[in-house]
C-alpha atoms as a PDB file:
ATOM      1  CA  MET A   1     246.362 140.591 225.107  1.00  0.00           C
ATOM      2  CA  ASN A   2     245.075 140.899 228.658  1.00  0.00           C
ATOM      3  CA  GLY A   3     242.159 138.856 229.901  1.00  0.00           C
ATOM      4  CA  GLU A   4     239.678 139.834 232.509  1.00  0.00           C
ATOM      5  CA  PRO A   5     241.120 140.222 235.989  1.00  0.00           C
ATOM      6  CA  ALA A   6     240.672 137.278 238.276  1.00  0.00           C
ATOM      7  CA  SER A   7     237.924 137.794 240.767  1.00  0.00           C
ATOM      8  CA  LEU A   8     238.983 138.367 244.314  1.00  0.00           C
ATOM      9  CA  PRO A   9     237.979 135.791 246.864  1.00  0.00           C
ATOM     10  CA  GLY A  10     234.898 137.091 248.600  1.00  0.00           C
ATOM     11  CA  ARG A  11     232.586 136.195 251.352  1.00  0.00           C
ATOM     12  CA  GLN A  12     229.011 135.691 250.353  1.00  0.00           C
ATOM     13  CA  ILE A  13     226.422 136.791 252.837  1.00  0.00           C
ATOM     14  CA  ARG A  14     223.156 135.018 252.482  1.00  0.00           C
ATOM     15  CA  VAL A  15     220.119 136.816 253.820  1.00  0.00           C
ATOM     16  CA  ARG A  16     217.127 134.566 254.127  1.00  0.00           C
ATOM     17  CA  ARG A  17     213.642 135.877 254.192  1.00  0.00           C
ATOM     18  CA  THR A  18     211.499 134.266 256.805  1.00  0.00           C
ATOM     19  CA  LEU A  19     208.415 133.446 254.805  1.00  0.00           C
ATOM     20  CA  GLY A  20     206.703 132.166 257.919  1.00  0.00           C
ATOM     21  CA  THR A  21     206.651 135.653 259.459  1.00  0.00           C
ATOM     22  CA  LEU A  22     204.231 136.709 256.731  1.00  0.00           C
ATOM     23  CA  ILE A  23     202.323 133.522 256.048  1.00  0.00           C
ATOM     24  CA  VAL A  24     201.536 132.437 259.622  1.00  0.00           C
ATOM     25  CA  PRO A  25     199.729 135.675 260.604  1.00  0.00           C
ATOM     26  CA  LEU A  26     197.875 135.721 257.271  1.00  0.00           C
ATOM     27  CA  LEU A  27     196.738 132.118 257.772  1.00  0.00           C
ATOM     28  CA  ALA A  28     195.659 132.939 261.319  1.00  0.00           C
ATOM     29  CA  CYS A  29     193.652 135.900 260.028  1.00  0.00           C
ATOM     30  CA  THR A  30     192.035 133.759 257.326  1.00  0.00           C
ATOM     31  CA  ALA A  31     191.168 131.030 259.836  1.00  0.00           C
ATOM     32  CA  LEU A  32     189.545 133.607 262.111  1.00  0.00           C
ATOM     33  CA  LEU A  33     187.475 135.066 259.316  1.00  0.00           C
ATOM     34  CA  LEU A  34     186.363 131.653 258.028  1.00  0.00           C
ATOM     35  CA  GLY A  35     185.780 130.276 261.512  1.00  0.00           C
ATOM     36  CA  GLY A  36     183.094 132.868 262.228  1.00  0.00           C
ATOM     37  CA  CYS A  37     180.993 132.010 259.163  1.00  0.00           C
ATOM     38  CA  GLY A  38     179.382 128.744 260.308  1.00  0.00           C
ATOM     39  CA  SER A  39     177.110 129.930 263.095  1.00  0.00           C
ATOM     40  CA  SER A  40     174.574 132.721 263.385  1.00  0.00           C
ATOM     41  CA  SER A  41     175.651 133.317 266.971  1.00  0.00           C
ATOM     42  CA  SER A  42     179.273 133.948 266.068  1.00  0.00           C
ATOM     43  CA  SER A  43     180.491 137.443 265.267  1.00  0.00           C
ATOM     44  CA  SER A  44     183.570 138.600 263.373  1.00  0.00           C
ATOM     45  CA  VAL A  45     183.350 142.085 264.887  1.00  0.00           C
ATOM     46  CA  ALA A  46     185.255 142.683 268.090  1.00  0.00           C
ATOM     47  CA  THR A  47     183.436 144.083 271.074  1.00  0.00           C
ATOM     48  CA  ALA A  48     184.708 146.110 273.971  1.00  0.00           C
ATOM     49  CA  PRO A  49     187.558 144.367 275.718  1.00  0.00           C
ATOM     50  CA  GLY A  50     187.294 142.233 278.802  1.00  0.00           C
ATOM     51  CA  SER A  51     190.412 141.301 280.674  1.00  0.00           C
ATOM     52  CA  ASP A  52     192.364 138.194 281.475  1.00  0.00           C
ATOM     53  CA  PRO A  53     193.344 137.178 285.036  1.00  0.00           C
ATOM     54  CA  ALA A  54     196.468 139.374 284.801  1.00  0.00           C
ATOM     55  CA  GLY A  55     194.302 142.400 283.957  1.00  0.00           C
ATOM     56  CA  ASN A  56     195.380 142.648 280.308  1.00  0.00           C
ATOM     57  CA  PRO A  57     192.550 143.645 277.963  1.00  0.00           C
ATOM     58  CA  SER A  58     191.206 141.027 275.574  1.00  0.00           C
ATOM     59  CA  TRP A  59     188.819 141.340 272.644  1.00  0.00           C
ATOM     60  CA  THR A  60     186.333 139.145 270.821  1.00  0.00           C
ATOM     61  CA  PRO A  61     188.052 137.376 267.887  1.00  0.00           C
ATOM     62  CA  GLY A  62     188.092 139.298 264.614  1.00  0.00           C
ATOM     63  CA  PRO A  63     188.879 142.819 263.419  1.00  0.00           C
ATOM     64  CA  ILE A  64     188.970 145.443 266.167  1.00  0.00           C
ATOM     65  CA  PRO A  65     186.726 148.399 265.283  1.00  0.00           C
ATOM     66  CA  GLY A  66     188.055 151.857 266.101  1.00  0.00           C
ATOM     67  CA  ALA A  67     191.692 150.712 266.145  1.00  0.00           C
ATOM     68  CA  HIS A  68     194.074 153.405 264.952  1.00  0.00           C
ATOM     69  CA  VAL A  69     197.428 152.253 263.556  1.00  0.00           C
ATOM     70  CA  LEU A  70     200.206 154.824 263.873  1.00  0.00           C
ATOM     71  CA  PRO A  71     202.735 155.151 261.032  1.00  0.00           C
ATOM     72  CA  LEU A  72     205.049 152.116 260.922  1.00  0.00           C
ATOM     73  CA  ILE A  73     208.489 152.669 262.406  1.00  0.00           C
ATOM     74  CA  SER A  74     211.367 151.013 260.523  1.00  0.00           C
ATOM     75  CA  MET A  75     215.124 151.075 260.922  1.00  0.00           C
ATOM     76  CA  THR A  76     217.979 149.076 259.454  1.00  0.00           C
ATOM     77  CA  GLY A  77     219.664 146.786 261.976  1.00  0.00           C
ATOM     78  CA  GLY A  78     217.160 147.632 264.730  1.00  0.00           C
ATOM     79  CA  GLY A  79     217.068 144.164 266.257  1.00  0.00           C
ATOM     80  CA  GLY A  80     213.974 142.685 267.813  1.00  0.00           C
ATOM     81  CA  VAL A  81     212.104 139.475 267.157  1.00  0.00           C
ATOM     82  CA  VAL A  82     208.921 139.141 265.107  1.00  0.00           C
ATOM     83  CA  SER A  83     206.099 138.280 267.483  1.00  0.00           C
ATOM     84  CA  PRO A  84     202.750 136.643 266.710  1.00  0.00           C
ATOM     85  CA  VAL A  85     200.924 138.917 269.183  1.00  0.00           C
ATOM     86  CA  ALA A  86     201.185 142.541 270.223  1.00  0.00           C
ATOM     87  CA  SER A  87     202.517 143.696 273.585  1.00  0.00           C
ATOM     88  CA  VAL A  88     200.030 145.700 275.636  1.00  0.00           C
ATOM     89  CA  LEU A  89     201.692 148.894 276.844  1.00  0.00           C
ATOM     90  CA  THR A  90     199.768 150.191 279.841  1.00  0.00           C
ATOM     91  CA  SER A  91     202.679 151.678 281.788  1.00  0.00           C
ATOM     92  CA  PRO A  92     206.215 153.026 281.359  1.00  0.00           C
ATOM     93  CA  THR A  93     207.458 149.662 282.663  1.00  0.00           C
ATOM     94  CA  ASP A  94     205.635 147.804 279.863  1.00  0.00           C
ATOM     95  CA  LEU A  95     207.142 150.211 277.352  1.00  0.00           C
ATOM     96  CA  ARG A  96     210.692 149.691 278.712  1.00  0.00           C
ATOM     97  CA  ARG A  97     210.218 145.919 278.571  1.00  0.00           C
ATOM     98  CA  PHE A  98     209.092 146.107 274.929  1.00  0.00           C
ATOM     99  CA  LEU A  99     211.929 148.466 273.938  1.00  0.00           C
ATOM    100  CA  ALA A 100     214.591 146.203 275.531  1.00  0.00           C
ATOM    101  CA  GLN A 101     214.495 143.906 272.471  1.00  0.00           C
ATOM    102  CA  LEU A 102     215.449 146.748 270.120  1.00  0.00           C
ATOM    103  CA  ARG A 103     219.202 147.204 270.003  1.00  0.00           C
ATOM    104  CA  VAL A 104     219.399 150.626 268.322  1.00  0.00           C
ATOM    105  CA  PRO A 105     218.717 153.573 270.657  1.00  0.00           C
ATOM    106  CA  ALA A 106     217.388 155.673 267.761  1.00  0.00           C
ATOM    107  CA  LEU A 107     214.686 153.052 267.068  1.00  0.00           C
ATOM    108  CA  GLN A 108     213.855 152.846 270.769  1.00  0.00           C
ATOM    109  CA  ASN A 109     213.469 156.641 270.868  1.00  0.00           C
ATOM    110  CA  ARG A 110     211.194 156.710 267.818  1.00  0.00           C
ATOM    111  CA  VAL A 111     208.914 154.036 269.286  1.00  0.00           C
ATOM    112  CA  ARG A 112     208.930 155.772 272.691  1.00  0.00           C
ATOM    113  CA  ALA A 113     207.977 159.099 271.073  1.00  0.00           C
ATOM    114  CA  ALA A 114     205.087 157.453 269.182  1.00  0.00           C
ATOM    115  CA  VAL A 115     203.719 155.624 272.227  1.00  0.00           C
ATOM    116  CA  ARG A 116     204.121 158.162 275.034  1.00  0.00           C
ATOM    117  CA  PRO A 117     201.249 160.549 274.146  1.00  0.00           C
ATOM    118  CA  ALA A 118     198.716 157.693 274.135  1.00  0.00           C
ATOM    119  CA  LEU A 119     199.885 156.024 277.381  1.00  0.00           C
ATOM    120  CA  ASP A 120     198.050 158.550 279.563  1.00  0.00           C
ATOM    121  CA  ASP A 121     194.688 158.247 277.771  1.00  0.00           C
ATOM    122  CA  PRO A 122     192.328 156.233 280.026  1.00  0.00           C
ATOM    123  CA  ASP A 123     189.920 155.528 277.122  1.00  0.00           C
ATOM    124  CA  HIS A 124     192.505 153.731 274.974  1.00  0.00           C
ATOM    125  CA  VAL A 125     195.060 150.934 275.137  1.00  0.00           C
ATOM    126  CA  VAL A 126     198.346 151.102 273.253  1.00  0.00           C
ATOM    127  CA  VAL A 127     199.842 147.961 271.724  1.00  0.00           C
ATOM    128  CA  ALA A 128     203.127 147.483 269.876  1.00  0.00           C
ATOM    129  CA  GLN A 129     204.631 144.595 267.955  1.00  0.00           C
ATOM    130  CA  VAL A 130     207.704 143.882 265.858  1.00  0.00           C
ATOM    131  CA  VAL A 131     205.926 142.860 262.649  1.00  0.00           C
ATOM    132  CA  ALA A 132     208.893 142.339 260.314  1.00  0.00           C
ATOM    133  CA  VAL A 133     212.645 141.828 260.405  1.00  0.00           C
ATOM    134  CA  GLY A 134     214.025 141.344 256.911  1.00  0.00           C
ATOM    135  CA  CYS A 135     214.617 142.919 253.548  1.00  0.00           C
ATOM    136  CA  ASP A 136     211.205 144.514 253.176  1.00  0.00           C
ATOM    137  CA  ARG A 137     209.042 146.956 255.093  1.00  0.00           C
ATOM    138  CA  PRO A 138     205.346 146.033 254.996  1.00  0.00           C
ATOM    139  CA  PRO A 139     203.066 148.758 253.588  1.00  0.00           C
ATOM    140  CA  GLY A 140     200.752 148.572 256.602  1.00  0.00           C
ATOM    141  CA  VAL A 141     199.175 146.293 259.195  1.00  0.00           C
ATOM    142  CA  GLY A 142     195.723 145.029 260.063  1.00  0.00           C
ATOM    143  CA  VAL A 143     194.511 144.915 263.672  1.00  0.00           C
ATOM    144  CA  ILE A 144     192.680 141.763 264.756  1.00  0.00           C
ATOM    145  CA  ALA A 145     192.012 139.828 267.927  1.00  0.00           C
ATOM    146  CA  GLY A 146     193.007 136.180 267.908  1.00  0.00           C
ATOM    147  CA  ARG A 147     190.897 133.333 269.272  1.00  0.00           C
ATOM    148  CA  ASP A 148     192.493 133.905 272.664  1.00  0.00           C
ATOM    149  CA  GLY A 149     191.442 137.587 272.627  1.00  0.00           C
ATOM    150  CA  ARG A 150     194.987 138.899 272.280  1.00  0.00           C
ATOM    151  CA  VAL A 151     195.704 141.601 269.723  1.00  0.00           C
ATOM    152  CA  GLN A 152     197.646 140.756 266.566  1.00  0.00           C
ATOM    153  CA  LEU A 153     199.085 143.373 264.224  1.00  0.00           C
ATOM    154  CA  VAL A 154     199.159 141.463 260.935  1.00  0.00           C
ATOM    155  CA  PRO A 155     201.548 142.893 258.299  1.00  0.00           C
ATOM    156  CA  GLN A 156     200.222 143.419 254.783  1.00  0.00           C
ATOM    157  CA  GLU A 157     201.979 141.623 251.956  1.00  0.00           C
ATOM    158  CA  VAL A 158     204.806 143.467 250.189  1.00  0.00           C
ATOM    159  CA  ALA A 159     203.944 144.008 246.507  1.00  0.00           C
ATOM    160  CA  SER A 160     207.512 143.691 245.157  1.00  0.00           C
ATOM    161  CA  PRO A 161     209.696 141.871 247.696  1.00  0.00           C
ATOM    162  CA  LEU A 162     213.437 142.454 247.471  1.00  0.00           C
ATOM    163  CA  GLU A 163     215.469 139.416 246.529  1.00  0.00           C
ATOM    164  CA  GLU A 164     218.388 140.300 248.756  1.00  0.00           C
ATOM    165  CA  CYS A 165     219.521 142.990 251.121  1.00  0.00           C
ATOM    166  CA  LEU A 166     222.687 143.977 252.924  1.00  0.00           C
ATOM    167  CA  ALA A 167     221.100 144.383 256.341  1.00  0.00           C
ATOM    168  CA  ALA A 168     217.767 143.474 257.839  1.00  0.00           C
ATOM    169  CA  VAL A 169     215.192 146.185 258.487  1.00  0.00           C
ATOM    170  CA  THR A 170     213.162 146.038 261.700  1.00  0.00           C
ATOM    171  CA  THR A 171     209.580 147.282 261.452  1.00  0.00           C
ATOM    172  CA  VAL A 172     207.539 148.074 264.566  1.00  0.00           C
ATOM    173  CA  ALA A 173     203.787 148.667 264.448  1.00  0.00           C
ATOM    174  CA  VAL A 174     201.950 150.640 267.139  1.00  0.00           C
ATOM    175  CA  ALA A 175     198.158 150.765 267.443  1.00  0.00           C
ATOM    176  CA  VAL A 176     195.803 152.659 269.743  1.00  0.00           C
ATOM    177  CA  LEU A 177     192.681 150.693 270.636  1.00  0.00           C
ATOM    178  CA  PRO A 178     189.463 151.998 272.206  1.00  0.00           C
ATOM    179  CA  ILE A 179     188.362 150.558 275.554  1.00  0.00           C
ATOM    180  CA  ASP A 180     184.757 151.789 275.631  1.00  0.00           C
END
């Protein structure tokens, strides 16, 4: 009688989900929403942007009205680092700098194709952010301004997170914001 074959020695690959990439932005969003409730002079609605000393637009803390989020762009093994704030893309140089973190040319091309049409619109600002690198692709993102006025693209929670994956998926969010 033959028994079961002995298992071959294998190499286990452990993929860890970075819970902080989802929880930190959600906590920041919650803090912003709760922080505006105590005073009648505070507002949770963003107004038209000002600018910082470097000339980058900044908004009043809270949700940014009129923001349009483009379809999320995801690719397996795309590289990049999850960022707490979005990169403002006001020129081809800004776009090249943002794309440099993505190691797959196909992902770079998809982001470039999504951003390019909006770069020439003087009434809008384009922002992009790597919102997730892991097993799951968020279903969408929210657009808010942090306390410092910088834009944050906050990923929505995944309903049924995967327990493990063979390769990490990079998800990039792009949003077009009004300047009026």
